[in-house]
C-alpha atoms as a PDB file:
ATOM      1  CA  MET A   1       9.635  27.021   4.184  1.00  0.00           C
ATOM      2  CA  ALA A   2       6.105  26.065   3.123  1.00  0.00           C
ATOM      3  CA  ALA A   3       5.045  22.419   3.295  1.00  0.00           C
ATOM      4  CA  PHE A   4       4.912  20.538  -0.007  1.00  0.00           C
ATOM      5  CA  ARG A   5       1.348  19.573  -0.812  1.00  0.00           C
ATOM      6  CA  PRO A   6       1.121  17.540  -4.036  1.00  0.00           C
ATOM      7  CA  LYS A   7      -1.861  18.284  -6.261  1.00  0.00           C
ATOM      8  CA  SER A   8      -1.426  15.212  -8.443  1.00  0.00           C
ATOM      9  CA  ARG A   9       0.709  12.087  -8.789  1.00  0.00           C
ATOM     10  CA  THR A  10       3.076  13.901 -11.115  1.00  0.00           C
ATOM     11  CA  ASP A  11       3.740  16.398  -8.318  1.00  0.00           C
ATOM     12  CA  LEU A  12       5.091  13.541  -6.207  1.00  0.00           C
ATOM     13  CA  LYS A  13       8.506  13.650  -7.906  1.00  0.00           C
ATOM     14  CA  VAL A  14      10.282  14.460  -4.704  1.00  0.00           C
ATOM     15  CA  SER A  15      13.925  15.477  -4.793  1.00  0.00           C
ATOM     16  CA  MET A  16      15.822  14.423  -1.721  1.00  0.00           C
ATOM     17  CA  GLU A  17      19.320  15.569  -2.658  1.00  0.00           C
ATOM     18  CA  ASN A  18      21.334  17.307  -5.343  1.00  0.00           C
ATOM     19  CA  THR A  19      24.141  15.560  -7.179  1.00  0.00           C
ATOM     20  CA  ASP A  20      27.559  17.169  -7.622  1.00  0.00           C
ATOM     21  CA  ASP A  21      26.730  18.333 -11.137  1.00  0.00           C
ATOM     22  CA  GLY A  22      23.653  20.249  -9.945  1.00  0.00           C
ATOM     23  CA  ASN A  23      21.118  17.710 -11.251  1.00  0.00           C
ATOM     24  CA  GLU A  24      18.532  16.563  -8.764  1.00  0.00           C
ATOM     25  CA  ALA A  25      18.508  12.889  -7.787  1.00  0.00           C
ATOM     26  CA  GLU A  26      15.010  11.436  -7.627  1.00  0.00           C
ATOM     27  CA  CYS A  27      13.735   9.882  -4.434  1.00  0.00           C
ATOM     28  CA  GLY A  28      12.508   6.277  -4.625  1.00  0.00           C
ATOM     29  CA  LEU A  29       9.244   7.404  -3.043  1.00  0.00           C
ATOM     30  CA  GLU A  30       7.746   7.858  -6.506  1.00  0.00           C
ATOM     31  CA  VAL A  31       8.382   4.191  -7.302  1.00  0.00           C
ATOM     32  CA  ALA A  32       7.013   2.984  -3.967  1.00  0.00           C
ATOM     33  CA  LEU A  33       3.860   5.080  -4.340  1.00  0.00           C
ATOM     34  CA  MET A  34       3.374   3.817  -7.876  1.00  0.00           C
ATOM     35  CA  VAL A  35       3.210   0.262  -6.503  1.00  0.00           C
ATOM     36  CA  MET A  36       1.281   0.824  -3.293  1.00  0.00           C
ATOM     37  CA  GLY A  37      -0.324   4.214  -3.800  1.00  0.00           C
ATOM     38  CA  GLY A  38      -3.956   4.851  -3.089  1.00  0.00           C
ATOM     39  CA  LYS A  39      -6.086   4.297  -0.054  1.00  0.00           C
ATOM     40  CA  TRP A  40      -6.254   0.499   0.091  1.00  0.00           C
ATOM     41  CA  LYS A  41      -3.041  -1.180  -1.075  1.00  0.00           C
ATOM     42  CA  ALA A  42      -0.994  -0.442   2.043  1.00  0.00           C
ATOM     43  CA  LEU A  43      -3.779  -1.887   4.205  1.00  0.00           C
ATOM     44  CA  ILE A  44      -4.038  -4.985   2.023  1.00  0.00           C
ATOM     45  CA  LEU A  45      -0.279  -5.495   2.194  1.00  0.00           C
ATOM     46  CA  TYR A  46      -0.313  -4.976   5.950  1.00  0.00           C
ATOM     47  CA  HIS A  47      -2.946  -7.695   6.438  1.00  0.00           C
ATOM     48  CA  LEU A  48      -1.073 -10.138   4.203  1.00  0.00           C
ATOM     49  CA  ARG A  49       2.225  -9.723   6.084  1.00  0.00           C
ATOM     50  CA  SER A  50       1.543 -12.582   8.499  1.00  0.00           C
ATOM     51  CA  GLY A  51       0.606 -15.224   5.942  1.00  0.00           C
ATOM     52  CA  PRO A  52      -1.929 -16.285   3.325  1.00  0.00           C
ATOM     53  CA  ARG A  53      -5.423 -14.775   3.476  1.00  0.00           C
ATOM     54  CA  ARG A  54      -8.582 -15.658   1.645  1.00  0.00           C
ATOM     55  CA  PHE A  55     -10.556 -12.998  -0.192  1.00  0.00           C
ATOM     56  CA  SER A  56     -13.307 -13.020   2.429  1.00  0.00           C
ATOM     57  CA  ASP A  57     -10.739 -12.468   5.200  1.00  0.00           C
ATOM     58  CA  LEU A  58      -9.301  -9.468   3.391  1.00  0.00           C
ATOM     59  CA  LYS A  59     -12.779  -8.060   2.735  1.00  0.00           C
ATOM     60  CA  ARG A  60     -13.506  -8.251   6.463  1.00  0.00           C
ATOM     61  CA  LEU A  61     -10.121  -6.875   7.573  1.00  0.00           C
ATOM     62  CA  VAL A  62      -9.966  -3.941   5.144  1.00  0.00           C
ATOM     63  CA  THR A  63     -13.091  -2.197   6.389  1.00  0.00           C
ATOM     64  CA  GLY A  64     -14.905   0.018   3.935  1.00  0.00           C
ATOM     65  CA  ILE A  65     -13.504  -1.477   0.727  1.00  0.00           C
ATOM     66  CA  SER A  66     -15.940  -2.759  -1.895  1.00  0.00           C
ATOM     67  CA  GLU A  67     -15.504  -6.183  -3.475  1.00  0.00           C
ATOM     68  CA  LYS A  68     -14.898  -4.595  -6.875  1.00  0.00           C
ATOM     69  CA  VAL A  69     -12.117  -2.369  -5.577  1.00  0.00           C
ATOM     70  CA  LEU A  70     -10.561  -5.187  -3.529  1.00  0.00           C
ATOM     71  CA  VAL A  71     -10.418  -7.403  -6.632  1.00  0.00           C
ATOM     72  CA  GLN A  72      -8.871  -4.562  -8.652  1.00  0.00           C
ATOM     73  CA  GLN A  73      -6.273  -3.755  -5.977  1.00  0.00           C
ATOM     74  CA  LEU A  74      -5.328  -7.425  -5.542  1.00  0.00           C
ATOM     75  CA  ARG A  75      -4.847  -7.787  -9.311  1.00  0.00           C
ATOM     76  CA  GLU A  76      -2.635  -4.690  -9.445  1.00  0.00           C
ATOM     77  CA  LEU A  77      -0.536  -5.936  -6.523  1.00  0.00           C
ATOM     78  CA  ALA A  78      -0.156  -9.327  -8.233  1.00  0.00           C
ATOM     79  CA  VAL A  79       0.959  -7.655 -11.480  1.00  0.00           C
ATOM     80  CA  SER A  80       3.533  -5.687  -9.453  1.00  0.00           C
ATOM     81  CA  ASP A  81       4.811  -8.994  -7.985  1.00  0.00           C
ATOM     82  CA  MET A  82       3.830  -7.963  -4.453  1.00  0.00           C
ATOM     83  CA  LEU A  83       1.579 -10.983  -3.933  1.00  0.00           C
ATOM     84  CA  VAL A  84       0.575 -14.278  -5.488  1.00  0.00           C
ATOM     85  CA  ARG A  85      -2.971 -15.507  -6.039  1.00  0.00           C
ATOM     86  CA  HIS A  86      -3.358 -19.231  -5.316  1.00  0.00           C
ATOM     87  CA  ASP A  87      -6.377 -20.891  -6.953  1.00  0.00           C
ATOM     88  CA  TYR A  88      -6.884 -24.399  -5.590  1.00  0.00           C
ATOM     89  CA  HIS A  89      -9.221 -25.408  -8.455  1.00  0.00           C
ATOM     90  CA  GLN A  90     -11.797 -27.061  -6.236  1.00  0.00           C
ATOM     91  CA  VAL A  91     -15.496 -26.882  -5.515  1.00  0.00           C
ATOM     92  CA  PRO A  92     -16.461 -24.820  -3.644  1.00  0.00           C
ATOM     93  CA  PRO A  93     -13.867 -22.396  -4.996  1.00  0.00           C
ATOM     94  CA  LYS A  94     -10.888 -21.721  -2.753  1.00  0.00           C
ATOM     95  CA  VAL A  95      -8.476 -18.867  -3.472  1.00  0.00           C
ATOM     96  CA  ASP A  96      -5.944 -17.212  -1.218  1.00  0.00           C
ATOM     97  CA  TYR A  97      -3.325 -14.503  -1.501  1.00  0.00           C
ATOM     98  CA  THR A  98       0.251 -14.634  -0.217  1.00  0.00           C
ATOM     99  CA  MET A  99       3.002 -12.043  -0.089  1.00  0.00           C
ATOM    100  CA  THR A 100       6.018 -12.608  -2.308  1.00  0.00           C
ATOM    101  CA  PRO A 101       9.520 -12.077  -0.908  1.00  0.00           C
ATOM    102  CA  PHE A 102       9.599  -8.884  -2.993  1.00  0.00           C
ATOM    103  CA  GLY A 103       6.305  -7.762  -1.447  1.00  0.00           C
ATOM    104  CA  LEU A 104       7.612  -8.423   2.043  1.00  0.00           C
ATOM    105  CA  THR A 105      10.423  -5.933   1.428  1.00  0.00           C
ATOM    106  CA  LEU A 106       7.788  -3.235   0.854  1.00  0.00           C
ATOM    107  CA  VAL A 107       5.721  -4.300   3.874  1.00  0.00           C
ATOM    108  CA  GLU A 108       8.769  -3.839   6.101  1.00  0.00           C
ATOM    109  CA  THR A 109       8.883  -0.192   5.056  1.00  0.00           C
ATOM    110  CA  LEU A 110       5.289   0.237   6.281  1.00  0.00           C
ATOM    111  CA  ARG A 111       6.171  -0.627   9.899  1.00  0.00           C
ATOM    112  CA  PRO A 112       7.477   2.866  10.737  1.00  0.00           C
ATOM    113  CA  LEU A 113       4.329   4.369   9.202  1.00  0.00           C
ATOM    114  CA  CYS A 114       2.185   2.100  11.369  1.00  0.00           C
ATOM    115  CA  GLU A 115       4.134   3.092  14.455  1.00  0.00           C
ATOM    116  CA  TRP A 116       3.834   6.763  13.553  1.00  0.00           C
ATOM    117  CA  GLY A 117       0.067   6.368  13.105  1.00  0.00           C
ATOM    118  CA  VAL A 118      -0.341   4.668  16.474  1.00  0.00           C
ATOM    119  CA  GLU A 119       1.760   7.314  18.201  1.00  0.00           C
ATOM    120  CA  HIS A 120      -0.116  10.248  16.640  1.00  0.00           C
ATOM    121  CA  ARG A 121      -3.630   8.807  16.317  1.00  0.00           C
ATOM    122  CA  ALA A 122      -5.080  11.085  19.009  1.00  0.00           C
ATOM    123  CA  ARG A 123      -3.608  14.169  17.360  1.00  0.00           C
ATOM    124  CA  ILE A 124      -5.372  13.503  14.052  1.00  0.00           C
ATOM    125  CA  THR A 125      -8.816  14.955  14.602  1.00  0.00           C
ATOM    126  CA  PRO A 126     -11.929  13.511  12.953  1.00  0.00           C
ATOM    127  CA  HIS A 127     -12.166  16.399  10.470  1.00  0.00           C
ATOM    128  CA  GLN A 128      -8.609  15.633   9.269  1.00  0.00           C
ATOM    129  CA  ARG A 129      -9.295  11.964   8.605  1.00  0.00           C
ATOM    130  CA  PRO A 130     -10.168  11.022   5.021  1.00  0.00           C
ATOM    131  CA  PRO A 131     -13.734   9.826   4.450  1.00  0.00           C
ATOM    132  CA  ALA A 132     -14.282   6.064   4.546  1.00  0.00           C
END
């Protein structure tokens, strides 16, 4: 059987099982990828798992991300109720980001992916890695 290689997001409707009436039941992967899809969101969520982080901390930890994209990704994660933005309304400005309980449920699902990546890091050759 050939490996499934999605060409677009709409191709990610993955069927994991058939129901008794022959209709395919959709996998929840589509929903999870809708929330955390893309190159940066999983990394942002990973770095927020241990507690609040300021914007500058996230910029430093998520190497290669631009400020514009980081702001956009943080806003999208906040809209999805994955994190909360705390503005302390002070001078100089102080803002931090914290995972919500709902967001923590998604972060827990990333642990096996992290472990898989650590275990297979050496096998992924430089030409297979996505560009930074």
